[in-house]
C-alpha atoms as a PDB file:
ATOM      1  CA  UNK A   1     -76.117  53.869  -9.171  1.00  0.00           C
ATOM      2  CA  UNK A   2     -74.907  50.484 -10.253  1.00  0.00           C
ATOM      3  CA  UNK A   3     -73.232  51.856 -12.882  1.00  0.00           C
ATOM      4  CA  UNK A   4     -71.011  54.021 -10.292  1.00  0.00           C
ATOM      5  CA  UNK A   5     -70.299  51.256  -8.109  1.00  0.00           C
ATOM      6  CA  UNK A   6     -68.793  49.366 -11.954  1.00  0.00           C
ATOM      7  CA  UNK A   7     -66.566  52.428 -11.879  1.00  0.00           C
ATOM      8  CA  UNK A   8     -66.183  52.735  -9.005  1.00  0.00           C
ATOM      9  CA  UNK A   9     -65.321  49.031  -8.297  1.00  0.00           C
ATOM     10  CA  UNK A  10     -62.675  49.619 -11.934  1.00  0.00           C
ATOM     11  CA  UNK A  11     -61.269  52.477 -10.501  1.00  0.00           C
ATOM     12  CA  UNK A  12     -60.322  50.901  -7.036  1.00  0.00           C
ATOM     13  CA  UNK A  13     -58.836  47.299  -9.341  1.00  0.00           C
ATOM     14  CA  UNK A  14     -56.774  49.343 -11.412  1.00  0.00           C
ATOM     15  CA  UNK A  15     -55.118  51.796  -8.094  1.00  0.00           C
ATOM     16  CA  UNK A  16     -54.328  47.931  -6.531  1.00  0.00           C
ATOM     17  CA  UNK A  17     -52.615  46.967  -9.406  1.00  0.00           C
ATOM     18  CA  UNK A  18     -50.502  50.077  -9.171  1.00  0.00           C
ATOM     19  CA  UNK A  19     -49.600  49.484  -5.882  1.00  0.00           C
ATOM     20  CA  UNK A  20     -49.530  45.386  -5.379  1.00  0.00           C
ATOM     21  CA  UNK A  21     -46.339  46.990  -8.499  1.00  0.00           C
ATOM     22  CA  UNK A  22     -44.463  48.096  -5.735  1.00  0.00           C
ATOM     23  CA  UNK A  23     -41.672  50.966  -6.907  1.00  0.00           C
ATOM     24  CA  UNK A  24     -40.162  51.171 -10.529  1.00  0.00           C
ATOM     25  CA  UNK A  25     -37.485  50.478 -12.078  1.00  0.00           C
ATOM     26  CA  UNK A  26     -37.202  54.430 -12.072  1.00  0.00           C
ATOM     27  CA  UNK A  27     -38.233  55.017  -7.960  1.00  0.00           C
ATOM     28  CA  UNK A  28     -35.392  52.251  -7.558  1.00  0.00           C
ATOM     29  CA  UNK A  29     -32.912  54.573  -9.214  1.00  0.00           C
ATOM     30  CA  UNK A  30     -33.204  57.705  -8.172  1.00  0.00           C
ATOM     31  CA  UNK A  31     -33.156  56.054  -4.314  1.00  0.00           C
ATOM     32  CA  UNK A  32     -29.665  54.803  -5.381  1.00  0.00           C
ATOM     33  CA  UNK A  33     -28.672  58.446  -5.939  1.00  0.00           C
ATOM     34  CA  UNK A  34     -28.673  58.856  -2.763  1.00  0.00           C
ATOM     35  CA  UNK A  35     -25.978  57.845  -2.319  1.00  0.00           C
ATOM     36  CA  UNK A  36     -23.305  59.549  -5.226  1.00  0.00           C
ATOM     37  CA  UNK A  37     -21.029  61.005  -3.406  1.00  0.00           C
ATOM     38  CA  UNK A  38     -18.191  60.701  -0.244  1.00  0.00           C
ATOM     39  CA  UNK A  39     -19.362  59.725   3.381  1.00  0.00           C
ATOM     40  CA  UNK A  40     -17.232  60.130   6.692  1.00  0.00           C
ATOM     41  CA  UNK A  41     -18.669  57.156  10.095  1.00  0.00           C
ATOM     42  CA  UNK A  42     -18.162  54.460  12.137  1.00  0.00           C
ATOM     43  CA  UNK A  43     -19.680  50.924  12.145  1.00  0.00           C
ATOM     44  CA  UNK A  44     -20.126  48.550  15.325  1.00  0.00           C
ATOM     45  CA  UNK A  45     -20.339  44.724  15.325  1.00  0.00           C
ATOM     46  CA  UNK A  46     -22.243  43.445  17.696  1.00  0.00           C
ATOM     47  CA  UNK A  47     -23.062  40.199  19.534  1.00  0.00           C
ATOM     48  CA  UNK A  48     -27.128  38.257  19.645  1.00  0.00           C
ATOM     49  CA  UNK A  49     -27.311  39.759  23.015  1.00  0.00           C
ATOM     50  CA  UNK A  50     -26.115  43.461  22.002  1.00  0.00           C
ATOM     51  CA  UNK A  51     -23.066  43.745  22.817  1.00  0.00           C
ATOM     52  CA  UNK A  52     -20.933  45.625  21.069  1.00  0.00           C
ATOM     53  CA  UNK A  53     -17.637  43.540  20.399  1.00  0.00           C
ATOM     54  CA  UNK A  54     -16.005  45.781  17.644  1.00  0.00           C
ATOM     55  CA  UNK A  55     -16.328  49.293  16.750  1.00  0.00           C
ATOM     56  CA  UNK A  56     -13.595  51.254  13.195  1.00  0.00           C
ATOM     57  CA  UNK A  57     -14.286  54.375  11.423  1.00  0.00           C
ATOM     58  CA  UNK A  58     -14.911  53.574   7.285  1.00  0.00           C
ATOM     59  CA  UNK A  59     -15.700  55.414   4.250  1.00  0.00           C
ATOM     60  CA  UNK A  60     -17.143  54.912   1.433  1.00  0.00           C
ATOM     61  CA  UNK A  61     -17.241  56.777  -1.455  1.00  0.00           C
ATOM     62  CA  UNK A  62     -20.555  56.399  -4.758  1.00  0.00           C
ATOM     63  CA  UNK A  63     -19.698  57.597  -8.558  1.00  0.00           C
ATOM     64  CA  UNK A  64     -22.368  56.475 -11.239  1.00  0.00           C
ATOM     65  CA  UNK A  65     -20.436  55.098 -14.431  1.00  0.00           C
ATOM     66  CA  UNK A  66     -23.612  54.768 -16.659  1.00  0.00           C
ATOM     67  CA  UNK A  67     -26.266  52.794 -15.487  1.00  0.00           C
ATOM     68  CA  UNK A  68     -23.874  52.019 -12.809  1.00  0.00           C
ATOM     69  CA  UNK A  69     -23.944  52.955  -9.891  1.00  0.00           C
ATOM     70  CA  UNK A  70     -20.165  52.010  -8.285  1.00  0.00           C
ATOM     71  CA  UNK A  71     -18.961  52.410  -5.154  1.00  0.00           C
ATOM     72  CA  UNK A  72     -15.822  51.616  -2.697  1.00  0.00           C
ATOM     73  CA  UNK A  73     -15.585  51.188   1.203  1.00  0.00           C
ATOM     74  CA  UNK A  74     -12.325  51.183   3.427  1.00  0.00           C
ATOM     75  CA  UNK A  75     -12.219  50.311   7.077  1.00  0.00           C
ATOM     76  CA  UNK A  76      -9.268  49.187   8.804  1.00  0.00           C
ATOM     77  CA  UNK A  77      -9.407  47.022  11.020  1.00  0.00           C
ATOM     78  CA  UNK A  78      -6.333  45.354  14.073  1.00  0.00           C
ATOM     79  CA  UNK A  79      -3.913  48.391  11.869  1.00  0.00           C
ATOM     80  CA  UNK A  80      -4.826  46.013   8.525  1.00  0.00           C
ATOM     81  CA  UNK A  81      -6.936  48.187   5.606  1.00  0.00           C
ATOM     82  CA  UNK A  82      -9.486  46.331   3.839  1.00  0.00           C
ATOM     83  CA  UNK A  83     -11.330  47.611   0.421  1.00  0.00           C
ATOM     84  CA  UNK A  84     -14.913  46.263  -0.028  1.00  0.00           C
ATOM     85  CA  UNK A  85     -16.124  47.316  -3.660  1.00  0.00           C
ATOM     86  CA  UNK A  86     -19.657  47.003  -5.174  1.00  0.00           C
ATOM     87  CA  UNK A  87     -21.507  47.493  -8.491  1.00  0.00           C
ATOM     88  CA  UNK A  88     -25.101  47.973  -8.301  1.00  0.00           C
ATOM     89  CA  UNK A  89     -26.609  47.379 -11.591  1.00  0.00           C
ATOM     90  CA  UNK A  90     -30.618  46.037 -12.789  1.00  0.00           C
ATOM     91  CA  UNK A  91     -30.835  42.541 -15.001  1.00  0.00           C
ATOM     92  CA  UNK A  92     -34.436  42.470 -16.464  1.00  0.00           C
ATOM     93  CA  UNK A  93     -35.813  45.440 -14.420  1.00  0.00           C
ATOM     94  CA  UNK A  94     -34.691  43.858 -11.196  1.00  0.00           C
ATOM     95  CA  UNK A  95     -32.223  45.611  -8.820  1.00  0.00           C
ATOM     96  CA  UNK A  96     -27.900  43.430  -8.253  1.00  0.00           C
ATOM     97  CA  UNK A  97     -25.784  43.932  -5.997  1.00  0.00           C
ATOM     98  CA  UNK A  98     -21.619  42.967  -6.466  1.00  0.00           C
ATOM     99  CA  UNK A  99     -19.903  42.730  -3.935  1.00  0.00           C
ATOM    100  CA  UNK A 100     -15.869  41.922  -3.606  1.00  0.00           C
ATOM    101  CA  UNK A 101     -14.778  41.310  -0.937  1.00  0.00           C
ATOM    102  CA  UNK A 102     -10.906  40.282  -0.906  1.00  0.00           C
ATOM    103  CA  UNK A 103     -10.927  38.781  -3.934  1.00  0.00           C
ATOM    104  CA  UNK A 104     -14.194  37.271  -3.891  1.00  0.00           C
ATOM    105  CA  UNK A 105     -17.519  38.598  -4.792  1.00  0.00           C
ATOM    106  CA  UNK A 106     -20.721  37.888  -3.946  1.00  0.00           C
ATOM    107  CA  UNK A 107     -24.311  38.705  -5.393  1.00  0.00           C
ATOM    108  CA  UNK A 108     -26.446  40.400  -3.820  1.00  0.00           C
ATOM    109  CA  UNK A 109     -30.966  40.864  -5.265  1.00  0.00           C
ATOM    110  CA  UNK A 110     -32.006  44.533  -3.610  1.00  0.00           C
ATOM    111  CA  UNK A 111     -35.240  45.583  -2.665  1.00  0.00           C
ATOM    112  CA  UNK A 112     -36.728  48.929  -2.656  1.00  0.00           C
ATOM    113  CA  UNK A 113     -38.873  48.446   0.812  1.00  0.00           C
ATOM    114  CA  UNK A 114     -41.229  52.101   2.232  1.00  0.00           C
ATOM    115  CA  UNK A 115     -38.428  53.362   3.447  1.00  0.00           C
ATOM    116  CA  UNK A 116     -35.609  50.864   3.028  1.00  0.00           C
ATOM    117  CA  UNK A 117     -33.542  48.808   0.592  1.00  0.00           C
ATOM    118  CA  UNK A 118     -33.256  45.819   1.721  1.00  0.00           C
ATOM    119  CA  UNK A 119     -30.256  43.141   0.854  1.00  0.00           C
ATOM    120  CA  UNK A 120     -30.963  39.865   0.202  1.00  0.00           C
ATOM    121  CA  UNK A 121     -28.167  37.441  -1.163  1.00  0.00           C
ATOM    122  CA  UNK A 122     -28.262  35.833  -4.354  1.00  0.00           C
ATOM    123  CA  UNK A 123     -26.125  32.797  -4.015  1.00  0.00           C
ATOM    124  CA  UNK A 124     -27.364  29.596  -3.787  1.00  0.00           C
ATOM    125  CA  UNK A 125     -23.876  28.196  -2.472  1.00  0.00           C
ATOM    126  CA  UNK A 126     -23.290  31.099   0.416  1.00  0.00           C
ATOM    127  CA  UNK A 127     -23.052  29.044   3.874  1.00  0.00           C
ATOM    128  CA  UNK A 128     -24.944  32.569   5.303  1.00  0.00           C
ATOM    129  CA  UNK A 129     -28.167  34.055   6.129  1.00  0.00           C
ATOM    130  CA  UNK A 130     -27.533  37.834   5.033  1.00  0.00           C
ATOM    131  CA  UNK A 131     -30.370  41.527   5.766  1.00  0.00           C
ATOM    132  CA  UNK A 132     -28.220  43.904   4.995  1.00  0.00           C
ATOM    133  CA  UNK A 133     -30.545  47.437   5.328  1.00  0.00           C
ATOM    134  CA  UNK A 134     -30.194  50.999   4.055  1.00  0.00           C
ATOM    135  CA  UNK A 135     -31.950  54.120   4.878  1.00  0.00           C
ATOM    136  CA  UNK A 136     -30.857  57.606   5.058  1.00  0.00           C
ATOM    137  CA  UNK A 137     -32.166  60.532   7.305  1.00  0.00           C
ATOM    138  CA  UNK A 138     -31.362  63.591   8.154  1.00  0.00           C
ATOM    139  CA  UNK A 139     -29.564  65.179  11.233  1.00  0.00           C
ATOM    140  CA  UNK A 140     -28.646  68.802  11.736  1.00  0.00           C
ATOM    141  CA  UNK A 141     -28.879  69.225   8.718  1.00  0.00           C
ATOM    142  CA  UNK A 142     -25.976  66.376   7.620  1.00  0.00           C
ATOM    143  CA  UNK A 143     -27.500  63.428   5.348  1.00  0.00           C
ATOM    144  CA  UNK A 144     -27.832  60.830   6.918  1.00  0.00           C
ATOM    145  CA  UNK A 145     -26.988  56.668   5.693  1.00  0.00           C
ATOM    146  CA  UNK A 146     -27.484  54.089   8.189  1.00  0.00           C
ATOM    147  CA  UNK A 147     -26.916  50.364   7.813  1.00  0.00           C
ATOM    148  CA  UNK A 148     -28.310  47.613   9.223  1.00  0.00           C
ATOM    149  CA  UNK A 149     -27.143  43.688   8.795  1.00  0.00           C
ATOM    150  CA  UNK A 150     -27.698  40.544  10.813  1.00  0.00           C
ATOM    151  CA  UNK A 151     -25.343  37.943   9.151  1.00  0.00           C
ATOM    152  CA  UNK A 152     -26.189  33.826  11.024  1.00  0.00           C
ATOM    153  CA  UNK A 153     -22.850  32.283  10.545  1.00  0.00           C
ATOM    154  CA  UNK A 154     -23.782  27.966  10.679  1.00  0.00           C
ATOM    155  CA  UNK A 155     -20.708  25.927  11.852  1.00  0.00           C
ATOM    156  CA  UNK A 156     -20.198  22.234  13.182  1.00  0.00           C
ATOM    157  CA  UNK A 157     -20.427  24.129  16.737  1.00  0.00           C
ATOM    158  CA  UNK A 158     -24.119  25.611  15.844  1.00  0.00           C
ATOM    159  CA  UNK A 159     -25.254  28.697  14.382  1.00  0.00           C
ATOM    160  CA  UNK A 160     -23.627  32.424  15.808  1.00  0.00           C
ATOM    161  CA  UNK A 161     -25.391  35.868  15.173  1.00  0.00           C
ATOM    162  CA  UNK A 162     -23.638  38.760  14.316  1.00  0.00           C
ATOM    163  CA  UNK A 163     -25.126  42.335  14.259  1.00  0.00           C
ATOM    164  CA  UNK A 164     -23.696  45.187  11.924  1.00  0.00           C
ATOM    165  CA  UNK A 165     -24.783  48.529  12.526  1.00  0.00           C
ATOM    166  CA  UNK A 166     -22.852  51.401  10.218  1.00  0.00           C
ATOM    167  CA  UNK A 167     -23.495  55.783  10.506  1.00  0.00           C
ATOM    168  CA  UNK A 168     -21.965  57.630   8.240  1.00  0.00           C
ATOM    169  CA  UNK A 169     -22.588  61.091   7.255  1.00  0.00           C
ATOM    170  CA  UNK A 170     -21.969  62.939   4.069  1.00  0.00           C
ATOM    171  CA  UNK A 171     -18.864  64.622   3.175  1.00  0.00           C
END
């Protein structure tokens, strides 16, 4: 009987170690493959009380270059086009993204959770607190990419919160 418990305990300990290790690099790469292709949608910017400040259309395209997932997002605000470039890559088995907008690059660290990919800034000099959450779903036979981001902005006038919500449909 004690041999049975020892084997059961050993099996349970192995399962817990595997579960605690989290998703593998292969799991994350498979998740990233869902981004490939062209997307169209809309993004809204809200204040901390949920009031929509601005809404605008956006388009994105993702492709692979070797082991790197690259992306280009475009949107128009106030008559001006804005482009955001991204490169998602692995370093020492960890997921990172370099996101470049208007000549400035911010590095993010990605974490695959059960149902989403969460991004936090990796740059220590960034004067904001950001969290971006991205996930995929199906609606009416279409693949949907959703993004929800929260950013706390700090200034000498205080702290403000901005919420970004995007919904894009695979083209």
